[in-house]
Amino acid sequence: MKLYIKNMVCDRCKMAVEKVLLDQHLQTVKVQLGEVELRQESLDEKAYQQLKQALQQLGFELLEDKKKALVNQIKARIVQLVHHNQEPLKTNLSAFLSSQLDTDYASLSQLFSSEEGNTIEHYYIQQKIERAKELLSYGEFTLSEIAFQLNYSSVAHLSAQFKKETGLTPTQFKGELKRSSLDSL
């Protein structure tokens, strides 16, 4: 049985969800951002409600609507790609998402825009800028290295998108260091 969970945006979130599942005596096949596969074929209503409540107490939400679940999967794949992959994307975003979710990109894009009021591309840019903010705040990488890590064609391209999204240049940002939590995007 697959469950889709909103607000799973990091490895710590996965650990929290795994603990809830363990506490509920539910066995998992796999747990990934936004998605859990249980060994059980189904849950009775009482077990489902207990799981739903336990997840809500930690700020997660079980998604019952298939459209919302698919949007959540899109977001989870983008967060995974931007924040947790070590290598840059070797294909374009549309091909990546289509292959990951086994759905044509036009359908994914239309659904995402109608549900979120934002495009997939803009959400991807927002995530990349948040990752750039994180890397800038660490002070371990040059802007050139950050641009490469985030798959930008040049430092100028990263800087232009950064300024458009934040109102600051990367250098100005380093002086102020403002970041947002991933689940608030």
C-alpha atoms as a PDB file:
ATOM      1  CA  MET A   1       0.000   0.000   0.000  1.00  0.00           C
ATOM      2  CA  LYS A   2       1.327   3.431  -0.898  1.00  0.00           C
ATOM      3  CA  LEU A   3       0.717   6.505   1.206  1.00  0.00           C
ATOM      4  CA  TYR A   4       1.530  10.050   0.186  1.00  0.00           C
ATOM      5  CA  ILE A   5       2.619  12.437   2.902  1.00  0.00           C
ATOM      6  CA  LYS A   6       2.801  16.206   2.616  1.00  0.00           C
ATOM      7  CA  ASN A   7       5.688  18.207   4.165  1.00  0.00           C
ATOM      8  CA  MET A   8       8.316  15.451   4.012  1.00  0.00           C
ATOM      9  CA  VAL A   9      11.181  17.583   2.732  1.00  0.00           C
ATOM     10  CA  CYS A  10      14.361  16.214   4.290  1.00  0.00           C
ATOM     11  CA  ASP A  11      16.040  13.138   5.701  1.00  0.00           C
ATOM     12  CA  ARG A  12      15.059  14.190   9.227  1.00  0.00           C
ATOM     13  CA  CYS A  13      11.417  14.196   8.066  1.00  0.00           C
ATOM     14  CA  LYS A  14      11.856  10.672   6.716  1.00  0.00           C
ATOM     15  CA  MET A  15      13.242   9.548  10.085  1.00  0.00           C
ATOM     16  CA  ALA A  16      10.307  11.141  11.921  1.00  0.00           C
ATOM     17  CA  VAL A  17       7.787   9.426   9.636  1.00  0.00           C
ATOM     18  CA  GLU A  18       9.622   6.098   9.974  1.00  0.00           C
ATOM     19  CA  LYS A  19       9.391   6.419  13.771  1.00  0.00           C
ATOM     20  CA  VAL A  20       5.637   7.111  13.579  1.00  0.00           C
ATOM     21  CA  LEU A  21       5.181   4.057  11.344  1.00  0.00           C
ATOM     22  CA  LEU A  22       7.233   1.922  13.723  1.00  0.00           C
ATOM     23  CA  ASP A  23       5.221   3.203  16.709  1.00  0.00           C
ATOM     24  CA  GLN A  24       2.033   2.269  14.820  1.00  0.00           C
ATOM     25  CA  HIS A  25       3.464  -1.237  14.151  1.00  0.00           C
ATOM     26  CA  LEU A  26       3.421  -0.681  10.397  1.00  0.00           C
ATOM     27  CA  GLN A  27       6.091  -2.358   8.302  1.00  0.00           C
ATOM     28  CA  THR A  28       7.552  -0.457   5.384  1.00  0.00           C
ATOM     29  CA  VAL A  29       8.928  -1.541   2.045  1.00  0.00           C
ATOM     30  CA  LYS A  30      10.458   1.892   1.433  1.00  0.00           C
ATOM     31  CA  VAL A  31      10.235   5.447   2.702  1.00  0.00           C
ATOM     32  CA  GLN A  32      11.180   8.348   0.456  1.00  0.00           C
ATOM     33  CA  LEU A  33      10.354  12.042   0.410  1.00  0.00           C
ATOM     34  CA  GLY A  34       6.590  12.400   0.229  1.00  0.00           C
ATOM     35  CA  GLU A  35       5.887   8.711  -0.189  1.00  0.00           C
ATOM     36  CA  VAL A  36       5.734   5.572   1.942  1.00  0.00           C
ATOM     37  CA  GLU A  37       5.175   2.043   0.742  1.00  0.00           C
ATOM     38  CA  LEU A  38       3.785  -0.270   3.420  1.00  0.00           C
ATOM     39  CA  ARG A  39       3.941  -4.063   3.452  1.00  0.00           C
ATOM     40  CA  GLN A  40       0.267  -4.101   4.419  1.00  0.00           C
ATOM     41  CA  GLU A  41      -2.214  -4.133   1.530  1.00  0.00           C
ATOM     42  CA  SER A  42      -4.579  -1.829   3.409  1.00  0.00           C
ATOM     43  CA  LEU A  43      -5.294  -0.254   6.784  1.00  0.00           C
ATOM     44  CA  ASP A  44      -8.540  -0.463   8.669  1.00  0.00           C
ATOM     45  CA  GLU A  45     -10.231   2.858   9.411  1.00  0.00           C
ATOM     46  CA  LYS A  46      -9.045   2.981  13.029  1.00  0.00           C
ATOM     47  CA  ALA A  47      -5.376   2.354  12.111  1.00  0.00           C
ATOM     48  CA  TYR A  48      -5.608   4.889   9.281  1.00  0.00           C
ATOM     49  CA  GLN A  49      -7.024   7.592  11.569  1.00  0.00           C
ATOM     50  CA  GLN A  50      -4.389   6.874  14.244  1.00  0.00           C
ATOM     51  CA  LEU A  51      -1.631   7.187  11.659  1.00  0.00           C
ATOM     52  CA  LYS A  52      -3.151  10.357  10.244  1.00  0.00           C
ATOM     53  CA  GLN A  53      -3.357  11.930  13.717  1.00  0.00           C
ATOM     54  CA  ALA A  54       0.192  10.891  14.687  1.00  0.00           C
ATOM     55  CA  LEU A  55       1.560  12.401  11.475  1.00  0.00           C
ATOM     56  CA  GLN A  56      -0.436  15.620  11.947  1.00  0.00           C
ATOM     57  CA  GLN A  57       1.071  16.087  15.406  1.00  0.00           C
ATOM     58  CA  LEU A  58       4.475  16.290  13.715  1.00  0.00           C
ATOM     59  CA  GLY A  59       3.313  18.681  10.975  1.00  0.00           C
ATOM     60  CA  PHE A  60       2.772  16.081   8.247  1.00  0.00           C
ATOM     61  CA  GLU A  61      -0.418  15.409   6.337  1.00  0.00           C
ATOM     62  CA  LEU A  62      -1.670  12.198   4.758  1.00  0.00           C
ATOM     63  CA  LEU A  63      -2.826  13.064   1.262  1.00  0.00           C
ATOM     64  CA  GLU A  64      -6.015  11.384   0.158  1.00  0.00           C
ATOM     65  CA  ASP A  65      -6.660  13.388  -3.002  1.00  0.00           C
ATOM     66  CA  LYS A  66      -4.779  11.837  -5.943  1.00  0.00           C
ATOM     67  CA  LYS A  67      -4.105  15.231  -7.518  1.00  0.00           C
ATOM     68  CA  LYS A  68      -2.609  16.604  -4.313  1.00  0.00           C
ATOM     69  CA  ALA A  69      -0.599  13.417  -3.911  1.00  0.00           C
ATOM     70  CA  LEU A  70       0.869  13.787  -7.416  1.00  0.00           C
ATOM     71  CA  VAL A  71       1.715  17.462  -6.783  1.00  0.00           C
ATOM     72  CA  ASN A  72       3.402  16.382  -3.552  1.00  0.00           C
ATOM     73  CA  GLN A  73       5.410  13.777  -5.476  1.00  0.00           C
ATOM     74  CA  ILE A  74       6.540  16.451  -7.948  1.00  0.00           C
ATOM     75  CA  LYS A  75       7.664  18.667  -5.074  1.00  0.00           C
ATOM     76  CA  ALA A  76       9.418  15.778  -3.316  1.00  0.00           C
ATOM     77  CA  ARG A  77      11.332  14.821  -6.477  1.00  0.00           C
ATOM     78  CA  ILE A  78      12.443  18.431  -6.990  1.00  0.00           C
ATOM     79  CA  VAL A  79      13.520  18.808  -3.345  1.00  0.00           C
ATOM     80  CA  GLN A  80      15.433  15.523  -3.583  1.00  0.00           C
ATOM     81  CA  LEU A  81      17.058  16.633  -6.832  1.00  0.00           C
ATOM     82  CA  VAL A  82      18.102  20.076  -5.610  1.00  0.00           C
ATOM     83  CA  HIS A  83      18.933  19.475  -1.951  1.00  0.00           C
ATOM     84  CA  HIS A  84      20.099  15.875  -1.734  1.00  0.00           C
ATOM     85  CA  ASN A  85      21.692  14.844  -5.035  1.00  0.00           C
ATOM     86  CA  GLN A  86      25.445  15.099  -5.261  1.00  0.00           C
ATOM     87  CA  GLU A  87      25.592  15.277  -9.065  1.00  0.00           C
ATOM     88  CA  PRO A  88      23.987  17.850 -11.356  1.00  0.00           C
ATOM     89  CA  LEU A  89      20.950  16.841 -13.420  1.00  0.00           C
ATOM     90  CA  LYS A  90      22.091  15.260 -16.690  1.00  0.00           C
ATOM     91  CA  THR A  91      18.789  15.844 -18.501  1.00  0.00           C
ATOM     92  CA  ASN A  92      16.220  18.608 -18.439  1.00  0.00           C
ATOM     93  CA  LEU A  93      13.706  18.902 -15.610  1.00  0.00           C
ATOM     94  CA  SER A  94      10.699  17.930 -17.716  1.00  0.00           C
ATOM     95  CA  ALA A  95      12.308  14.653 -18.868  1.00  0.00           C
ATOM     96  CA  PHE A  96      13.467  13.911 -15.323  1.00  0.00           C
ATOM     97  CA  LEU A  97      10.008  14.383 -13.788  1.00  0.00           C
ATOM     98  CA  SER A  98       8.244  12.521 -16.598  1.00  0.00           C
ATOM     99  CA  SER A  99      10.491   9.498 -16.146  1.00  0.00           C
ATOM    100  CA  GLN A 100      10.340   9.618 -12.330  1.00  0.00           C
ATOM    101  CA  LEU A 101       6.542   9.857 -12.212  1.00  0.00           C
ATOM    102  CA  ASP A 102       5.730   7.929 -15.396  1.00  0.00           C
ATOM    103  CA  THR A 103       3.462  10.738 -16.624  1.00  0.00           C
ATOM    104  CA  ASP A 104       3.868  13.139 -19.516  1.00  0.00           C
ATOM    105  CA  TYR A 105       5.231  16.512 -18.508  1.00  0.00           C
ATOM    106  CA  ALA A 106       2.380  18.544 -20.004  1.00  0.00           C
ATOM    107  CA  SER A 107      -0.075  16.808 -17.649  1.00  0.00           C
ATOM    108  CA  LEU A 108       2.230  17.260 -14.670  1.00  0.00           C
ATOM    109  CA  SER A 109       2.746  20.929 -15.486  1.00  0.00           C
ATOM    110  CA  GLN A 110      -0.953  21.657 -15.920  1.00  0.00           C
ATOM    111  CA  LEU A 111      -1.880  19.849 -12.692  1.00  0.00           C
ATOM    112  CA  PHE A 112       0.875  21.541 -10.694  1.00  0.00           C
ATOM    113  CA  SER A 113      -0.072  25.012 -11.935  1.00  0.00           C
ATOM    114  CA  SER A 114      -3.772  24.504 -11.243  1.00  0.00           C
ATOM    115  CA  GLU A 115      -3.181  23.121  -7.731  1.00  0.00           C
ATOM    116  CA  GLU A 116      -0.330  25.409  -6.653  1.00  0.00           C
ATOM    117  CA  GLY A 117      -0.861  28.641  -8.591  1.00  0.00           C
ATOM    118  CA  ASN A 118       2.815  28.379  -9.522  1.00  0.00           C
ATOM    119  CA  THR A 119       4.701  26.629 -12.325  1.00  0.00           C
ATOM    120  CA  ILE A 120       6.952  23.629 -11.820  1.00  0.00           C
ATOM    121  CA  GLU A 121       9.821  25.631 -13.278  1.00  0.00           C
ATOM    122  CA  HIS A 122       9.367  28.476 -10.809  1.00  0.00           C
ATOM    123  CA  TYR A 123       9.132  26.036  -7.900  1.00  0.00           C
ATOM    124  CA  TYR A 124      12.379  24.438  -9.148  1.00  0.00           C
ATOM    125  CA  ILE A 125      14.046  27.858  -9.293  1.00  0.00           C
ATOM    126  CA  GLN A 126      12.814  28.674  -5.769  1.00  0.00           C
ATOM    127  CA  GLN A 127      14.346  25.436  -4.483  1.00  0.00           C
ATOM    128  CA  LYS A 128      17.625  26.111  -6.275  1.00  0.00           C
ATOM    129  CA  ILE A 129      17.795  29.610  -4.797  1.00  0.00           C
ATOM    130  CA  GLU A 130      17.121  28.227  -1.287  1.00  0.00           C
ATOM    131  CA  ARG A 131      19.914  25.710  -1.823  1.00  0.00           C
ATOM    132  CA  ALA A 132      22.196  28.515  -3.036  1.00  0.00           C
ATOM    133  CA  LYS A 133      21.332  30.475   0.133  1.00  0.00           C
ATOM    134  CA  GLU A 134      22.218  27.444   2.236  1.00  0.00           C
ATOM    135  CA  LEU A 135      25.532  26.925   0.463  1.00  0.00           C
ATOM    136  CA  LEU A 136      26.360  30.639   0.659  1.00  0.00           C
ATOM    137  CA  SER A 137      25.650  30.663   4.395  1.00  0.00           C
ATOM    138  CA  TYR A 138      28.133  27.817   4.937  1.00  0.00           C
ATOM    139  CA  GLY A 139      30.858  29.848   3.243  1.00  0.00           C
ATOM    140  CA  GLU A 140      32.593  26.678   2.016  1.00  0.00           C
ATOM    141  CA  PHE A 141      32.027  27.136  -1.731  1.00  0.00           C
ATOM    142  CA  THR A 142      32.699  29.879  -4.230  1.00  0.00           C
ATOM    143  CA  LEU A 143      29.812  31.255  -6.249  1.00  0.00           C
ATOM    144  CA  SER A 144      31.254  29.477  -9.271  1.00  0.00           C
ATOM    145  CA  GLU A 145      31.190  26.122  -7.447  1.00  0.00           C
ATOM    146  CA  ILE A 146      27.615  26.747  -6.275  1.00  0.00           C
ATOM    147  CA  ALA A 147      26.529  27.606  -9.829  1.00  0.00           C
ATOM    148  CA  PHE A 148      28.055  24.339 -11.060  1.00  0.00           C
ATOM    149  CA  GLN A 149      26.457  22.282  -8.258  1.00  0.00           C
ATOM    150  CA  LEU A 150      23.039  23.744  -9.035  1.00  0.00           C
ATOM    151  CA  ASN A 151      23.365  23.159 -12.777  1.00  0.00           C
ATOM    152  CA  TYR A 152      23.532  26.815 -13.813  1.00  0.00           C
ATOM    153  CA  SER A 153      25.232  27.609 -17.109  1.00  0.00           C
ATOM    154  CA  SER A 154      27.170  30.471 -15.512  1.00  0.00           C
ATOM    155  CA  VAL A 155      27.653  32.500 -12.346  1.00  0.00           C
ATOM    156  CA  ALA A 156      25.895  35.398 -14.091  1.00  0.00           C
ATOM    157  CA  HIS A 157      22.789  33.247 -14.645  1.00  0.00           C
ATOM    158  CA  LEU A 158      22.711  32.173 -10.992  1.00  0.00           C
ATOM    159  CA  SER A 159      23.281  35.752  -9.833  1.00  0.00           C
ATOM    160  CA  ALA A 160      20.490  37.094 -12.058  1.00  0.00           C
ATOM    161  CA  GLN A 161      17.974  34.483 -10.812  1.00  0.00           C
ATOM    162  CA  PHE A 162      19.123  35.000  -7.239  1.00  0.00           C
ATOM    163  CA  LYS A 163      18.566  38.759  -7.481  1.00  0.00           C
ATOM    164  CA  LYS A 164      15.170  38.272  -9.181  1.00  0.00           C
ATOM    165  CA  GLU A 165      13.979  35.890  -6.428  1.00  0.00           C
ATOM    166  CA  THR A 166      15.457  37.562  -3.363  1.00  0.00           C
ATOM    167  CA  GLY A 167      15.989  41.180  -4.364  1.00  0.00           C
ATOM    168  CA  LEU A 168      19.628  40.813  -3.336  1.00  0.00           C
ATOM    169  CA  THR A 169      22.786  39.779  -5.110  1.00  0.00           C
ATOM    170  CA  PRO A 170      24.509  36.704  -3.688  1.00  0.00           C
ATOM    171  CA  THR A 171      27.175  38.992  -2.176  1.00  0.00           C
ATOM    172  CA  GLN A 172      24.542  41.188  -0.518  1.00  0.00           C
ATOM    173  CA  PHE A 173      22.796  38.075   0.767  1.00  0.00           C
ATOM    174  CA  LYS A 174      25.992  36.802   2.399  1.00  0.00           C
ATOM    175  CA  GLY A 175      25.955  39.981   4.463  1.00  0.00           C
ATOM    176  CA  GLU A 176      22.334  39.503   5.574  1.00  0.00           C
ATOM    177  CA  LEU A 177      21.818  35.689   5.523  1.00  0.00           C
ATOM    178  CA  LYS A 178      18.030  35.212   5.234  1.00  0.00           C
ATOM    179  CA  ARG A 179      16.686  31.706   4.579  1.00  0.00           C
ATOM    180  CA  SER A 180      13.233  30.109   4.413  1.00  0.00           C
ATOM    181  CA  SER A 181      12.202  26.650   5.533  1.00  0.00           C
ATOM    182  CA  LEU A 182      11.668  24.276   2.595  1.00  0.00           C
ATOM    183  CA  ASP A 183       8.110  23.396   3.469  1.00  0.00           C
ATOM    184  CA  SER A 184       7.078  27.068   3.402  1.00  0.00           C
ATOM    185  CA  LEU A 185       7.908  27.404  -0.310  1.00  0.00           C
END
